[in-house]
N, C-alpha and C. Protein backbone atom coordinates (compact mmCIF):
# COMPACT_ATOMS: atom_id res chain seq x y z
N MET A 1 120.19 134.73 98.14
CA MET A 1 119.66 134.91 96.80
C MET A 1 119.92 133.66 95.98
N LYS A 2 119.03 133.42 95.08
CA LYS A 2 119.19 132.27 94.21
C LYS A 2 120.17 132.61 93.09
N VAL A 3 120.73 131.59 92.51
CA VAL A 3 121.71 131.76 91.43
C VAL A 3 121.06 132.50 90.26
N ARG A 4 119.81 132.19 90.00
CA ARG A 4 119.10 132.82 88.88
C ARG A 4 119.01 134.33 89.10
N SER A 5 118.70 134.75 90.32
CA SER A 5 118.59 136.19 90.62
C SER A 5 119.95 136.87 90.51
N ILE A 6 120.98 136.21 90.96
CA ILE A 6 122.33 136.79 90.88
C ILE A 6 122.75 136.97 89.42
N VAL A 7 122.45 135.99 88.59
CA VAL A 7 122.81 136.08 87.16
C VAL A 7 122.06 137.24 86.51
N LEU A 8 120.76 137.38 86.80
CA LEU A 8 119.98 138.48 86.23
C LEU A 8 120.51 139.84 86.70
N LEU A 9 120.84 139.94 87.96
CA LEU A 9 121.37 141.19 88.50
C LEU A 9 122.71 141.55 87.83
N LEU A 10 123.58 140.57 87.68
CA LEU A 10 124.86 140.83 87.01
C LEU A 10 124.66 141.24 85.56
N LEU A 11 123.68 140.63 84.90
CA LEU A 11 123.39 140.99 83.51
C LEU A 11 122.90 142.44 83.42
N LEU A 12 122.03 142.85 84.32
CA LEU A 12 121.54 144.24 84.32
C LEU A 12 122.68 145.22 84.63
N VAL A 13 123.56 144.88 85.55
CA VAL A 13 124.71 145.74 85.87
C VAL A 13 125.61 145.85 84.64
N PHE A 14 125.82 144.74 83.94
CA PHE A 14 126.66 144.76 82.74
C PHE A 14 126.05 145.66 81.66
N ILE A 15 124.71 145.55 81.47
CA ILE A 15 124.04 146.40 80.46
C ILE A 15 124.13 147.88 80.85
N ALA A 16 123.93 148.20 82.12
CA ALA A 16 124.04 149.60 82.58
C ALA A 16 125.45 150.12 82.39
N LEU A 17 126.44 149.31 82.72
CA LEU A 17 127.84 149.72 82.54
C LEU A 17 128.15 149.93 81.06
N PHE A 18 127.68 149.03 80.22
CA PHE A 18 127.88 149.15 78.77
C PHE A 18 127.24 150.43 78.24
N THR A 19 126.02 150.74 78.76
CA THR A 19 125.31 151.95 78.31
C THR A 19 126.07 153.21 78.73
N VAL A 20 126.54 153.25 79.95
CA VAL A 20 127.28 154.43 80.43
C VAL A 20 128.57 154.60 79.64
N MET A 21 129.28 153.52 79.37
CA MET A 21 130.56 153.61 78.66
C MET A 21 130.37 154.05 77.20
N ASN A 22 129.24 153.72 76.60
CA ASN A 22 129.01 154.02 75.18
C ASN A 22 127.87 155.02 74.99
N TRP A 23 127.68 155.92 75.93
CA TRP A 23 126.56 156.86 75.85
C TRP A 23 126.65 157.76 74.61
N SER A 24 127.80 158.18 74.27
CA SER A 24 127.95 159.08 73.10
C SER A 24 127.58 158.35 71.82
N ALA A 25 127.92 157.06 71.71
CA ALA A 25 127.55 156.29 70.51
C ALA A 25 126.06 156.01 70.50
N ILE A 26 125.50 155.83 71.66
CA ILE A 26 124.06 155.53 71.75
C ILE A 26 123.26 156.77 71.32
N MET A 27 123.72 157.93 71.65
CA MET A 27 123.00 159.17 71.36
C MET A 27 123.28 159.72 69.96
N THR A 28 124.13 159.07 69.19
CA THR A 28 124.44 159.54 67.84
C THR A 28 123.23 159.34 66.94
N PRO A 29 122.76 160.43 66.26
CA PRO A 29 121.59 160.29 65.39
C PRO A 29 121.92 159.49 64.13
N THR A 30 120.94 158.74 63.69
CA THR A 30 121.08 157.87 62.52
C THR A 30 119.81 157.98 61.71
N SER A 31 119.90 157.70 60.41
CA SER A 31 118.73 157.70 59.56
C SER A 31 118.03 156.36 59.72
N LEU A 32 116.77 156.39 60.16
CA LEU A 32 116.01 155.16 60.42
C LEU A 32 114.79 155.11 59.52
N SER A 33 114.46 153.94 59.03
CA SER A 33 113.30 153.75 58.16
C SER A 33 112.14 153.22 59.00
N LEU A 34 110.99 153.89 58.85
CA LEU A 34 109.77 153.46 59.56
C LEU A 34 108.77 152.90 58.56
N LEU A 35 109.22 152.28 57.49
CA LEU A 35 108.46 151.67 56.41
C LEU A 35 107.80 152.70 55.49
N VAL A 36 107.20 153.72 56.01
CA VAL A 36 106.56 154.72 55.16
C VAL A 36 107.36 156.01 55.08
N THR A 37 108.26 156.22 56.00
CA THR A 37 109.05 157.45 56.01
C THR A 37 110.40 157.19 56.63
N ARG A 38 111.27 158.15 56.53
CA ARG A 38 112.60 158.04 57.14
C ARG A 38 112.73 159.17 58.16
N VAL A 39 113.39 158.84 59.30
CA VAL A 39 113.58 159.85 60.35
C VAL A 39 115.01 159.81 60.84
N GLN A 40 115.43 160.90 61.43
CA GLN A 40 116.76 160.98 62.05
C GLN A 40 116.53 160.84 63.56
N ALA A 41 117.11 159.78 64.17
CA ALA A 41 116.96 159.56 65.61
C ALA A 41 118.13 158.71 66.09
N PRO A 42 118.44 158.75 67.41
CA PRO A 42 119.53 157.92 67.93
C PRO A 42 119.09 156.46 68.04
N LEU A 43 119.70 155.59 67.24
CA LEU A 43 119.34 154.16 67.21
C LEU A 43 119.61 153.48 68.55
N GLY A 44 120.71 153.81 69.18
CA GLY A 44 121.05 153.21 70.47
C GLY A 44 120.01 153.50 71.54
N LEU A 45 119.53 154.78 71.55
CA LEU A 45 118.52 155.15 72.54
C LEU A 45 117.21 154.40 72.29
N ILE A 46 116.85 154.27 71.04
CA ILE A 46 115.61 153.53 70.70
C ILE A 46 115.74 152.07 71.13
N LEU A 47 116.89 151.46 70.84
CA LEU A 47 117.10 150.06 71.24
C LEU A 47 117.14 149.92 72.77
N LEU A 48 117.72 150.90 73.44
CA LEU A 48 117.77 150.88 74.90
C LEU A 48 116.35 151.01 75.48
N MET A 49 115.54 151.86 74.87
CA MET A 49 114.16 152.00 75.32
C MET A 49 113.37 150.72 75.06
N LEU A 50 113.60 150.07 73.93
CA LEU A 50 112.93 148.79 73.65
C LEU A 50 113.36 147.73 74.67
N LEU A 51 114.64 147.70 75.02
CA LEU A 51 115.12 146.77 76.04
C LEU A 51 114.43 147.06 77.38
N GLY A 52 114.32 148.33 77.75
CA GLY A 52 113.62 148.70 79.00
C GLY A 52 112.15 148.29 78.96
N PHE A 53 111.49 148.49 77.82
CA PHE A 53 110.09 148.10 77.67
C PHE A 53 109.92 146.59 77.81
N VAL A 54 110.78 145.81 77.14
CA VAL A 54 110.70 144.34 77.23
C VAL A 54 110.98 143.89 78.65
N THR A 55 111.95 144.50 79.31
CA THR A 55 112.26 144.15 80.70
C THR A 55 111.07 144.46 81.61
N ALA A 56 110.45 145.64 81.43
CA ALA A 56 109.28 146.01 82.24
C ALA A 56 108.13 145.03 81.97
N ALA A 57 107.93 144.67 80.70
CA ALA A 57 106.87 143.70 80.37
C ALA A 57 107.16 142.35 81.01
N PHE A 58 108.42 141.94 80.96
CA PHE A 58 108.80 140.66 81.57
C PHE A 58 108.57 140.69 83.08
N LEU A 59 108.99 141.77 83.76
CA LEU A 59 108.80 141.89 85.20
C LEU A 59 107.32 141.91 85.57
N THR A 60 106.51 142.59 84.73
CA THR A 60 105.06 142.61 84.96
C THR A 60 104.49 141.20 84.84
N PHE A 61 104.93 140.48 83.82
CA PHE A 61 104.46 139.10 83.61
C PHE A 61 104.87 138.21 84.79
N VAL A 62 106.10 138.37 85.25
CA VAL A 62 106.57 137.57 86.39
C VAL A 62 105.76 137.89 87.64
N ALA A 63 105.48 139.18 87.88
CA ALA A 63 104.69 139.57 89.05
C ALA A 63 103.28 139.00 88.95
N TYR A 64 102.68 139.06 87.74
CA TYR A 64 101.34 138.49 87.53
C TYR A 64 101.36 136.99 87.79
N LEU A 65 102.37 136.31 87.28
CA LEU A 65 102.48 134.87 87.45
C LEU A 65 102.64 134.51 88.93
N GLN A 66 103.46 135.26 89.63
CA GLN A 66 103.66 134.99 91.06
C GLN A 66 102.39 135.23 91.85
N SER A 67 101.68 136.32 91.56
CA SER A 67 100.44 136.60 92.29
C SER A 67 99.39 135.54 91.99
N THR A 68 99.32 135.06 90.74
CA THR A 68 98.37 134.00 90.39
C THR A 68 98.70 132.72 91.14
N VAL A 69 99.96 132.38 91.18
CA VAL A 69 100.38 131.17 91.91
C VAL A 69 100.09 131.32 93.39
N LEU A 70 100.33 132.52 93.93
CA LEU A 70 100.06 132.77 95.35
C LEU A 70 98.57 132.62 95.65
N LEU A 71 97.73 133.19 94.79
CA LEU A 71 96.28 133.08 95.00
C LEU A 71 95.81 131.64 94.88
N ASP A 72 96.35 130.91 93.90
CA ASP A 72 96.01 129.49 93.74
C ASP A 72 96.45 128.69 94.97
N THR A 73 97.63 129.03 95.47
CA THR A 73 98.13 128.32 96.65
C THR A 73 97.22 128.58 97.85
N ARG A 74 96.80 129.82 98.03
CA ARG A 74 95.88 130.14 99.13
C ARG A 74 94.56 129.40 98.98
N ARG A 75 94.04 129.39 97.74
CA ARG A 75 92.77 128.70 97.50
C ARG A 75 92.92 127.21 97.77
N HIS A 76 94.00 126.62 97.30
CA HIS A 76 94.23 125.19 97.54
C HIS A 76 94.42 124.90 99.02
N THR A 77 95.09 125.81 99.72
CA THR A 77 95.28 125.63 101.16
C THR A 77 93.95 125.65 101.89
N LYS A 78 93.07 126.59 101.51
CA LYS A 78 91.74 126.65 102.13
C LYS A 78 90.95 125.39 101.82
N GLU A 79 90.99 124.94 100.57
CA GLU A 79 90.28 123.72 100.19
C GLU A 79 90.84 122.52 100.95
N LEU A 80 92.15 122.47 101.04
CA LEU A 80 92.79 121.37 101.77
C LEU A 80 92.38 121.39 103.24
N GLN A 81 92.33 122.59 103.82
CA GLN A 81 91.92 122.71 105.22
C GLN A 81 90.48 122.26 105.40
N SER A 82 89.60 122.67 104.49
CA SER A 82 88.20 122.24 104.61
C SER A 82 88.06 120.73 104.42
N GLN A 83 88.84 120.17 103.50
CA GLN A 83 88.81 118.71 103.31
C GLN A 83 89.35 118.00 104.54
N ARG A 84 90.37 118.57 105.14
CA ARG A 84 90.95 117.99 106.36
C ARG A 84 89.92 118.01 107.48
N GLN A 85 89.18 119.13 107.61
CA GLN A 85 88.15 119.22 108.63
C GLN A 85 87.05 118.20 108.38
N LEU A 86 86.65 118.05 107.10
CA LEU A 86 85.64 117.05 106.77
C LEU A 86 86.13 115.64 107.13
N ALA A 87 87.38 115.36 106.82
CA ALA A 87 87.94 114.05 107.14
C ALA A 87 88.00 113.84 108.65
N ASP A 88 88.38 114.88 109.39
CA ASP A 88 88.41 114.78 110.85
C ASP A 88 87.01 114.53 111.42
N GLN A 89 86.02 115.24 110.87
CA GLN A 89 84.65 115.04 111.33
C GLN A 89 84.16 113.64 111.00
N ALA A 90 84.49 113.16 109.79
CA ALA A 90 84.08 111.81 109.41
C ALA A 90 84.75 110.78 110.31
N GLU A 91 86.01 111.01 110.62
CA GLU A 91 86.73 110.08 111.50
C GLU A 91 86.13 110.10 112.90
N ALA A 92 85.78 111.29 113.39
CA ALA A 92 85.16 111.40 114.71
C ALA A 92 83.82 110.69 114.73
N SER A 93 83.05 110.85 113.66
CA SER A 93 81.74 110.17 113.63
C SER A 93 81.93 108.66 113.55
N ARG A 94 82.95 108.20 112.84
CA ARG A 94 83.22 106.76 112.80
C ARG A 94 83.61 106.25 114.18
N PHE A 95 84.41 107.04 114.91
CA PHE A 95 84.78 106.63 116.26
C PHE A 95 83.55 106.59 117.17
N THR A 96 82.66 107.56 117.00
CA THR A 96 81.44 107.58 117.80
C THR A 96 80.57 106.36 117.47
N GLU A 97 80.43 106.06 116.18
CA GLU A 97 79.66 104.88 115.78
C GLU A 97 80.30 103.61 116.32
N LEU A 98 81.62 103.54 116.24
CA LEU A 98 82.31 102.36 116.75
C LEU A 98 82.11 102.22 118.25
N ARG A 99 82.20 103.33 118.96
CA ARG A 99 82.01 103.31 120.41
C ARG A 99 80.59 102.82 120.75
N SER A 100 79.57 103.34 120.04
CA SER A 100 78.20 102.91 120.33
C SER A 100 78.00 101.46 119.95
N PHE A 101 78.61 101.01 118.85
CA PHE A 101 78.50 99.60 118.44
C PHE A 101 79.13 98.69 119.49
N ILE A 102 80.31 99.07 119.96
CA ILE A 102 80.99 98.25 120.98
C ILE A 102 80.17 98.23 122.26
N SER A 103 79.60 99.37 122.64
CA SER A 103 78.76 99.42 123.84
C SER A 103 77.55 98.50 123.69
N GLN A 104 76.91 98.55 122.54
CA GLN A 104 75.75 97.68 122.30
C GLN A 104 76.15 96.21 122.34
N GLU A 105 77.28 95.89 121.73
CA GLU A 105 77.73 94.50 121.71
C GLU A 105 78.09 94.02 123.12
N LEU A 106 78.76 94.88 123.89
CA LEU A 106 79.10 94.51 125.27
C LEU A 106 77.83 94.30 126.10
N LEU A 107 76.83 95.16 125.90
CA LEU A 107 75.57 95.01 126.62
C LEU A 107 74.89 93.70 126.22
N ARG A 108 74.88 93.40 124.91
CA ARG A 108 74.26 92.16 124.43
C ARG A 108 74.99 90.95 125.00
N VAL A 109 76.32 90.98 124.98
CA VAL A 109 77.11 89.86 125.50
C VAL A 109 76.88 89.69 127.00
N SER A 110 76.81 90.80 127.74
CA SER A 110 76.59 90.69 129.19
C SER A 110 75.18 90.16 129.47
N GLN A 111 74.19 90.56 128.66
CA GLN A 111 72.84 90.03 128.83
C GLN A 111 72.81 88.53 128.52
N GLU A 112 73.45 88.14 127.44
CA GLU A 112 73.52 86.70 127.10
C GLU A 112 74.24 85.94 128.20
N SER A 113 75.30 86.52 128.73
CA SER A 113 76.05 85.88 129.81
C SER A 113 75.18 85.71 131.05
N ALA A 114 74.42 86.75 131.37
CA ALA A 114 73.53 86.66 132.53
C ALA A 114 72.46 85.60 132.30
N THR A 115 71.91 85.56 131.10
CA THR A 115 70.89 84.55 130.78
C THR A 115 71.49 83.16 130.87
N THR A 116 72.64 82.98 130.29
CA THR A 116 73.31 81.67 130.32
C THR A 116 73.64 81.29 131.76
N ARG A 117 74.13 82.24 132.53
CA ARG A 117 74.46 81.98 133.93
C ARG A 117 73.22 81.54 134.69
N ALA A 118 72.10 82.22 134.46
CA ALA A 118 70.84 81.86 135.13
C ALA A 118 70.40 80.45 134.73
N GLU A 119 70.54 80.14 133.44
CA GLU A 119 70.17 78.79 132.97
C GLU A 119 71.06 77.74 133.60
N VAL A 120 72.35 78.00 133.68
CA VAL A 120 73.29 77.04 134.28
C VAL A 120 72.98 76.85 135.76
N VAL A 121 72.70 77.95 136.45
CA VAL A 121 72.37 77.87 137.88
C VAL A 121 71.09 77.07 138.06
N ALA A 122 70.08 77.31 137.23
CA ALA A 122 68.82 76.58 137.32
C ALA A 122 69.05 75.10 137.05
N GLN A 123 69.84 74.79 136.03
CA GLN A 123 70.12 73.39 135.70
C GLN A 123 70.91 72.73 136.83
N LEU A 124 71.88 73.44 137.41
CA LEU A 124 72.63 72.89 138.55
C LEU A 124 71.70 72.65 139.73
N GLN A 125 70.76 73.56 139.95
CA GLN A 125 69.80 73.39 141.04
C GLN A 125 68.93 72.15 140.80
N ARG A 126 68.47 71.98 139.56
CA ARG A 126 67.67 70.79 139.23
C ARG A 126 68.49 69.53 139.44
N MET A 127 69.75 69.56 138.98
CA MET A 127 70.61 68.38 139.15
C MET A 127 70.86 68.11 140.63
N ASP A 128 71.04 69.18 141.41
CA ASP A 128 71.26 69.02 142.85
C ASP A 128 70.02 68.41 143.51
N ASP A 129 68.85 68.93 143.14
CA ASP A 129 67.60 68.39 143.69
C ASP A 129 67.43 66.92 143.31
N LYS A 130 67.73 66.61 142.03
CA LYS A 130 67.61 65.23 141.56
C LYS A 130 68.59 64.34 142.30
N LEU A 131 69.83 64.81 142.48
CA LEU A 131 70.84 64.04 143.19
C LEU A 131 70.42 63.81 144.64
N ARG A 132 69.87 64.85 145.28
CA ARG A 132 69.42 64.72 146.66
C ARG A 132 68.28 63.70 146.76
N SER A 133 67.36 63.80 145.80
CA SER A 133 66.24 62.84 145.86
C SER A 133 66.73 61.42 145.59
N THR A 134 67.70 61.28 144.66
CA THR A 134 68.24 59.94 144.39
C THR A 134 69.00 59.43 145.61
N LEU A 135 69.79 60.29 146.26
CA LEU A 135 70.51 59.89 147.47
C LEU A 135 69.53 59.51 148.58
N GLU A 136 68.46 60.29 148.69
CA GLU A 136 67.46 59.98 149.72
C GLU A 136 66.80 58.64 149.45
N GLU A 137 66.51 58.38 148.15
CA GLU A 137 65.92 57.08 147.79
C GLU A 137 66.89 55.96 148.12
N HIS A 138 68.17 56.13 147.74
CA HIS A 138 69.16 55.10 148.03
C HIS A 138 69.33 54.94 149.54
N ASN A 139 69.30 56.05 150.27
CA ASN A 139 69.41 56.01 151.72
C ASN A 139 68.23 55.22 152.30
N ASN A 140 67.03 55.48 151.78
CA ASN A 140 65.84 54.76 152.25
C ASN A 140 65.94 53.27 151.92
N VAL A 141 66.38 52.98 150.67
CA VAL A 141 66.53 51.57 150.27
C VAL A 141 67.55 50.89 151.16
N LEU A 142 68.67 51.56 151.40
CA LEU A 142 69.74 51.02 152.24
C LEU A 142 69.26 50.81 153.67
N ALA A 143 68.50 51.81 154.16
CA ALA A 143 67.97 51.70 155.51
C ALA A 143 66.99 50.53 155.60
N ALA A 144 66.18 50.37 154.56
CA ALA A 144 65.23 49.26 154.53
C ALA A 144 65.97 47.93 154.50
N GLN A 145 67.01 47.86 153.67
CA GLN A 145 67.77 46.62 153.59
C GLN A 145 68.48 46.33 154.91
N LEU A 146 69.04 47.39 155.54
CA LEU A 146 69.68 47.21 156.84
C LEU A 146 68.66 46.75 157.88
N GLY A 147 67.47 47.33 157.80
CA GLY A 147 66.41 46.93 158.73
C GLY A 147 66.04 45.47 158.53
N GLU A 148 65.98 45.04 157.29
CA GLU A 148 65.68 43.64 157.00
C GLU A 148 66.76 42.75 157.54
N LEU A 149 68.03 43.17 157.30
CA LEU A 149 69.15 42.37 157.81
C LEU A 149 69.10 42.28 159.33
N GLU A 150 68.80 43.39 159.99
CA GLU A 150 68.72 43.37 161.44
C GLU A 150 67.60 42.45 161.90
N ASP A 151 66.46 42.52 161.19
CA ASP A 151 65.35 41.63 161.53
C ASP A 151 65.76 40.18 161.35
N ARG A 152 66.44 39.86 160.27
CA ARG A 152 66.89 38.50 160.02
C ARG A 152 67.86 38.07 161.11
N MET A 153 68.77 38.98 161.41
CA MET A 153 69.76 38.62 162.43
C MET A 153 69.08 38.41 163.78
N GLU A 154 68.11 39.22 164.07
CA GLU A 154 67.39 39.04 165.34
C GLU A 154 66.59 37.74 165.31
N ARG A 155 65.99 37.45 164.17
CA ARG A 155 65.25 36.18 164.06
C ARG A 155 66.20 35.01 164.17
N ASP A 156 67.30 35.13 163.44
CA ASP A 156 68.28 34.05 163.49
C ASP A 156 68.84 33.94 164.90
N ALA A 157 69.02 35.04 165.58
CA ALA A 157 69.53 35.03 166.94
C ALA A 157 68.48 34.42 167.87
N LEU A 158 67.24 34.68 167.64
CA LEU A 158 66.18 34.12 168.46
C LEU A 158 66.04 32.64 168.17
N ILE A 159 66.15 32.29 166.94
CA ILE A 159 66.00 30.87 166.60
C ILE A 159 67.23 30.13 167.05
N SER A 160 68.36 30.58 166.80
CA SER A 160 69.58 29.88 167.16
C SER A 160 69.90 30.08 168.63
N GLY A 161 69.35 31.02 169.23
CA GLY A 161 69.65 31.33 170.62
C GLY A 161 69.22 30.20 171.56
N PRO A 162 67.98 29.69 171.52
CA PRO A 162 67.61 28.64 172.43
C PRO A 162 68.35 27.35 172.07
N ALA A 163 68.66 27.13 170.84
CA ALA A 163 69.34 25.89 170.48
C ALA A 163 70.76 25.93 170.95
N GLU A 164 71.36 27.03 170.95
CA GLU A 164 72.74 27.14 171.44
C GLU A 164 72.76 27.06 172.94
N ARG A 165 71.76 27.42 173.54
CA ARG A 165 71.74 27.39 175.00
C ARG A 165 71.66 25.93 175.49
N ALA A 166 71.09 25.16 174.72
CA ALA A 166 70.90 23.78 175.16
C ALA A 166 72.11 22.98 175.02
């Protein structure tokens, strides 16, 4: 129990004990003025009834306040749950959009990579063909020059050959 509840309970026990101990004084009739007339009634009993009425009104007010707070809490909980669901759905849709965007970007990058790879391979093939043709030309030029040198050497050998023999 909370301290507040314990204090209220002790206060009610004290009032009940006080009432029981002074019951004869509470029930003693007294002359009371009701503004327009005078009556004989027990003042203590009237005050005790007023205290009971105020206590009942207070308890009713507290019960009403608690039920209102409980209903508001339930309503807020439902609203919070619906907002949480909306946020979860929005987050899921963002993840889906992100996944599709990443997939599209990966596809685009792989296509660009394939295109670039094909261009590089084609350029390497052209360079290889050009290198082969240049090597073949140099090989032909070299072969021609070697052939000329051999012809010269054979001519020189033929010309110098009979002179050396003599």
